[in-house]
Protein backbone atom coordinates (compact mmCIF):
# COMPACT_ATOMS: atom_id res chain seq x y z
CA MET A 1 23.55 30.24 2.71
CA ARG A 2 21.61 28.52 5.46
CA LYS A 3 22.15 24.76 5.47
CA VAL A 4 19.01 22.63 5.19
CA ASP A 5 18.57 19.88 7.76
CA PRO A 6 17.35 16.87 5.71
CA ALA A 7 15.58 15.24 8.65
CA ARG A 8 13.78 18.46 9.55
CA TYR A 9 12.85 19.04 5.92
CA ARG A 10 11.37 15.53 5.65
CA ALA A 11 9.46 16.03 8.90
CA LYS A 12 7.98 19.29 7.63
CA ARG A 13 6.90 17.64 4.38
CA ARG A 14 5.36 14.79 6.33
CA ASN A 15 3.44 17.28 8.48
CA VAL A 16 1.92 18.80 5.33
CA MET A 17 1.07 15.34 3.98
CA ASN A 18 -0.57 14.28 7.25
CA ALA A 19 -2.64 17.46 7.27
CA ALA A 20 -3.74 17.05 3.67
CA ALA A 21 -4.55 13.33 3.79
CA PRO A 22 -7.95 13.50 5.56
CA LEU A 23 -8.96 16.49 3.42
CA PHE A 24 -8.18 14.66 0.18
CA ALA A 25 -9.89 11.52 1.46
CA ALA A 26 -13.07 13.38 2.36
CA ARG A 27 -13.26 16.03 -0.38
CA GLY A 28 -10.92 14.89 -3.12
CA LEU A 29 -8.11 16.83 -4.73
CA ASP A 30 -10.40 19.25 -6.54
CA GLY A 31 -12.51 19.91 -3.46
CA THR A 32 -9.54 20.75 -1.24
CA SER A 33 -7.85 24.13 -1.33
CA THR A 34 -4.23 24.93 -0.50
CA THR A 35 -5.56 27.35 2.11
CA GLU A 36 -7.32 24.49 3.90
CA ILE A 37 -4.15 22.39 3.77
CA ARG A 38 -1.88 25.10 5.16
CA ARG A 39 -4.36 25.88 7.94
CA ALA A 40 -4.59 22.21 8.87
CA ALA A 41 -0.78 21.99 8.83
CA GLY A 42 -0.43 25.22 10.82
CA ILE A 43 1.92 26.86 8.33
CA SER A 44 1.96 29.88 6.02
CA SER A 45 1.35 29.81 2.27
CA GLY A 46 5.03 30.49 1.66
CA ALA A 47 6.03 27.55 3.84
CA LEU A 48 3.55 25.23 2.11
CA PHE A 49 4.92 26.02 -1.33
CA HIS A 50 8.46 25.65 -0.03
CA TYR A 51 7.76 21.96 0.56
CA PHE A 52 5.36 21.25 -2.31
CA PRO A 53 4.84 23.15 -5.56
CA ASN A 54 1.09 22.44 -5.56
CA LYS A 55 -1.57 20.30 -3.91
CA ARG A 56 -1.30 17.62 -6.59
CA ALA A 57 2.32 17.02 -5.55
CA ILE A 58 1.11 16.38 -2.00
CA LEU A 59 -1.39 13.78 -3.21
CA VAL A 60 1.28 12.06 -5.31
CA ALA A 61 3.61 11.90 -2.30
CA LEU A 62 0.85 10.34 -0.21
CA LEU A 63 -0.10 7.77 -2.84
CA THR A 64 3.49 6.73 -3.54
CA ASP A 65 4.22 6.20 0.17
CA GLU A 66 6.85 8.92 0.43
CA GLY A 67 8.49 8.57 3.81
CA GLY A 68 6.68 5.28 4.42
CA ASP A 69 8.13 1.83 4.80
CA ASN A 70 6.72 -0.03 1.80
CA ALA A 71 10.07 -0.16 0.01
CA GLU A 72 11.80 -1.47 3.13
CA ARG A 73 9.10 -4.06 3.77
CA ILE A 74 9.25 -5.27 0.17
CA ALA A 75 13.05 -5.57 0.30
CA ALA A 76 12.85 -7.42 3.62
CA ALA A 77 10.24 -9.81 2.21
CA ARG A 78 12.45 -10.69 -0.74
CA ALA A 79 15.40 -11.35 1.58
CA HIS A 80 13.40 -13.41 4.10
CA ASP A 81 14.59 -16.97 4.71
CA ASP A 82 11.02 -18.31 4.56
CA PRO A 83 9.16 -17.08 1.45
CA TRP A 84 5.78 -18.33 2.68
CA THR A 85 5.99 -16.44 5.95
CA ALA A 86 7.29 -13.42 4.05
CA LEU A 87 4.35 -13.62 1.64
CA LEU A 88 1.74 -13.68 4.40
CA GLU A 89 3.43 -10.86 6.30
CA LEU A 90 3.73 -8.70 3.19
CA VAL A 91 0.08 -9.23 2.27
CA GLU A 92 -0.98 -8.22 5.77
CA HIS A 93 1.26 -5.14 5.58
CA LEU A 94 -0.19 -4.07 2.22
CA ALA A 95 -3.77 -4.68 3.42
CA ALA A 96 -3.40 -3.07 6.86
CA PRO A 97 -4.09 0.54 5.76
CA SER A 98 -7.59 -0.51 4.65
CA ALA A 99 -8.48 -0.20 8.32
CA SER A 100 -8.10 3.58 7.99
CA PRO A 101 -10.94 5.51 6.34
CA VAL A 102 -8.36 8.10 5.34
CA ALA A 103 -6.19 5.55 3.52
CA ALA A 104 -9.18 3.99 1.78
CA GLY A 105 -10.43 7.41 0.70
CA LEU A 106 -7.00 8.34 -0.64
CA VAL A 107 -6.83 5.18 -2.72
CA MET A 108 -10.21 5.93 -4.27
CA GLU A 109 -9.20 9.52 -4.99
CA GLY A 110 -5.94 8.31 -6.49
CA LEU A 111 -7.83 6.05 -8.88
CA ARG A 112 -10.11 8.92 -9.90
CA GLN A 113 -7.23 11.29 -10.52
CA ALA A 114 -5.15 8.69 -12.37
CA ARG A 115 -7.80 8.45 -15.09
CA ARG A 116 -6.98 11.99 -16.21
CA ASP A 117 -3.38 12.34 -15.02
CA PRO A 118 -0.98 10.12 -16.99
CA GLU A 119 1.99 11.04 -14.79
CA LEU A 120 0.16 10.00 -11.64
CA ALA A 121 -1.10 6.85 -13.35
CA GLU A 122 2.48 5.98 -14.29
CA ALA A 123 3.70 6.49 -10.71
CA LEU A 124 0.93 4.30 -9.30
CA GLU A 125 1.58 1.65 -11.93
CA ALA A 126 5.28 1.59 -11.01
CA ASP A 127 4.40 0.97 -7.35
CA SER A 128 1.85 -1.68 -8.30
CA SER A 129 4.31 -3.44 -10.59
CA CYS A 130 6.94 -3.55 -7.85
CA GLU A 131 4.48 -5.09 -5.41
CA LEU A 132 3.25 -7.59 -8.01
CA GLU A 133 6.78 -8.64 -8.96
CA THR A 134 7.62 -9.23 -5.30
CA LEU A 135 4.43 -11.22 -4.66
CA THR A 136 5.17 -13.33 -7.75
CA HIS A 137 8.73 -13.89 -6.56
CA LEU A 138 7.57 -15.02 -3.12
CA VAL A 139 4.88 -17.38 -4.47
CA SER A 140 7.39 -18.88 -6.89
CA ARG A 141 10.02 -19.35 -4.16
CA ALA A 142 7.49 -20.83 -1.75
CA ALA A 143 6.36 -23.34 -4.38
CA ARG A 144 9.94 -24.33 -5.29
CA GLU A 145 10.83 -24.82 -1.63
CA GLY A 146 7.73 -26.89 -0.88
CA ARG A 147 6.18 -24.19 1.29
CA ALA A 148 3.20 -23.65 -0.99
CA ASP A 149 1.17 -25.49 -3.60
CA PRO A 150 -0.69 -22.85 -5.64
CA VAL A 151 -3.37 -24.03 -8.04
CA LEU A 152 -2.39 -21.30 -10.54
CA SER A 153 0.93 -20.05 -11.84
CA ALA A 154 2.99 -17.86 -9.53
CA GLU A 155 2.17 -14.74 -11.57
CA ALA A 156 -1.57 -15.49 -11.75
CA THR A 157 -1.64 -16.21 -8.04
CA ALA A 158 0.14 -12.92 -7.30
CA ILE A 159 -2.29 -11.00 -9.52
CA TRP A 160 -5.25 -12.42 -7.60
CA ILE A 161 -3.61 -11.65 -4.26
CA GLN A 162 -3.04 -8.06 -5.33
CA THR A 163 -6.62 -7.84 -6.61
CA LEU A 164 -8.03 -9.08 -3.30
CA VAL A 165 -5.93 -6.60 -1.34
CA GLY A 166 -7.20 -3.80 -3.58
CA ALA A 167 -10.78 -4.96 -3.04
CA LEU A 168 -10.38 -4.43 0.70
CA PHE A 169 -9.75 -0.72 0.10
CA LEU A 170 -12.78 -0.47 -2.18
CA ARG A 171 -14.98 -2.08 0.45
CA ALA A 172 -13.49 0.07 3.20
CA ALA A 173 -14.35 3.21 1.24
CA THR A 174 -17.91 2.18 0.39
CA GLU A 175 -19.15 -0.25 3.04
CA PRO A 176 -20.44 1.12 6.38
CA GLY A 177 -19.09 -0.78 9.35
CA PHE A 178 -16.34 -2.43 7.34
CA ASP A 179 -14.24 -4.60 9.67
CA ALA A 180 -10.78 -4.51 8.13
CA ALA A 181 -9.13 -6.66 10.79
CA ALA A 182 -11.66 -9.47 10.30
CA HIS A 183 -11.37 -9.37 6.53
CA ILE A 184 -7.57 -9.36 6.63
CA ARG A 185 -7.72 -12.49 8.80
CA GLU A 186 -10.09 -14.06 6.27
CA LEU A 187 -7.73 -13.12 3.45
CA ARG A 188 -4.88 -14.82 5.25
CA SER A 189 -6.98 -17.95 5.77
CA LEU A 190 -7.94 -17.91 2.10
CA LEU A 191 -4.30 -17.77 1.06
CA VAL A 192 -3.43 -20.65 3.37
CA ARG A 193 -6.27 -22.70 1.89
CA VAL A 194 -5.92 -21.85 -1.80
CA VAL A 195 -2.22 -21.20 -2.19
CA GLY A 196 -1.59 -24.24 -0.06
CA GLY A 197 1.04 -23.09 2.37
CA THR A 198 1.31 -23.86 6.04
CA GLU A 199 0.80 -21.63 9.06
CA VAL A 200 3.46 -23.47 11.05
CA ARG A 201 7.09 -22.46 10.54
CA GLY A 202 9.24 -25.51 10.05
CA ALA A 203 6.26 -27.80 9.61
CA GLY A 204 7.71 -29.20 6.39
CA PRO A 205 6.54 -28.94 2.78
CA ALA A 206 2.92 -28.42 1.88
CA ARG A 207 0.99 -31.60 1.27
CA PRO A 208 0.23 -32.45 -2.36
CA ARG A 209 -3.30 -31.89 -3.49
CA GLY A 210 -5.18 -35.02 -4.28
């Protein structure tokens, strides 16, 4: 039996995902055929189904960041010496894909499909819960260590941060001329102002509100 090279297998799956992403973003899952995906990927039907059982599986892999670095970035954020810096960096990482029309379109399609696909909804909820738990952890740590002074509880603050990041994708998908970079900078400034951290590493604890 021929031995499968894991790295090559992952690369082939990623090629299919990269080919399918703009199609799903523009036409949705229902409006995209497997023929269009295999042609965009430059592979045969047999090869496509070797890597994915159906087009839905490709969408799920894209939406759950298969082969991406979200899991690594989340783990690194939790282990960071400075929770405030880690929080800002993680928020920017999570918001960065809003600059891509493809990513924004995929998020919107994922939300549409999740309404009628409980398994997909569960997978997206698991990812969302992991991000929320990490954001809550970082806000809580930053507050305990005097690096932040949130006006709400750590969990409520994290929920609002996650909501604002999600809103960037909605605006990116619906607003012509959306400037993701500018809005991500504004989001960072908002966090500094409202959560009460400091931009300067080693600048000491956040000043009490008064």
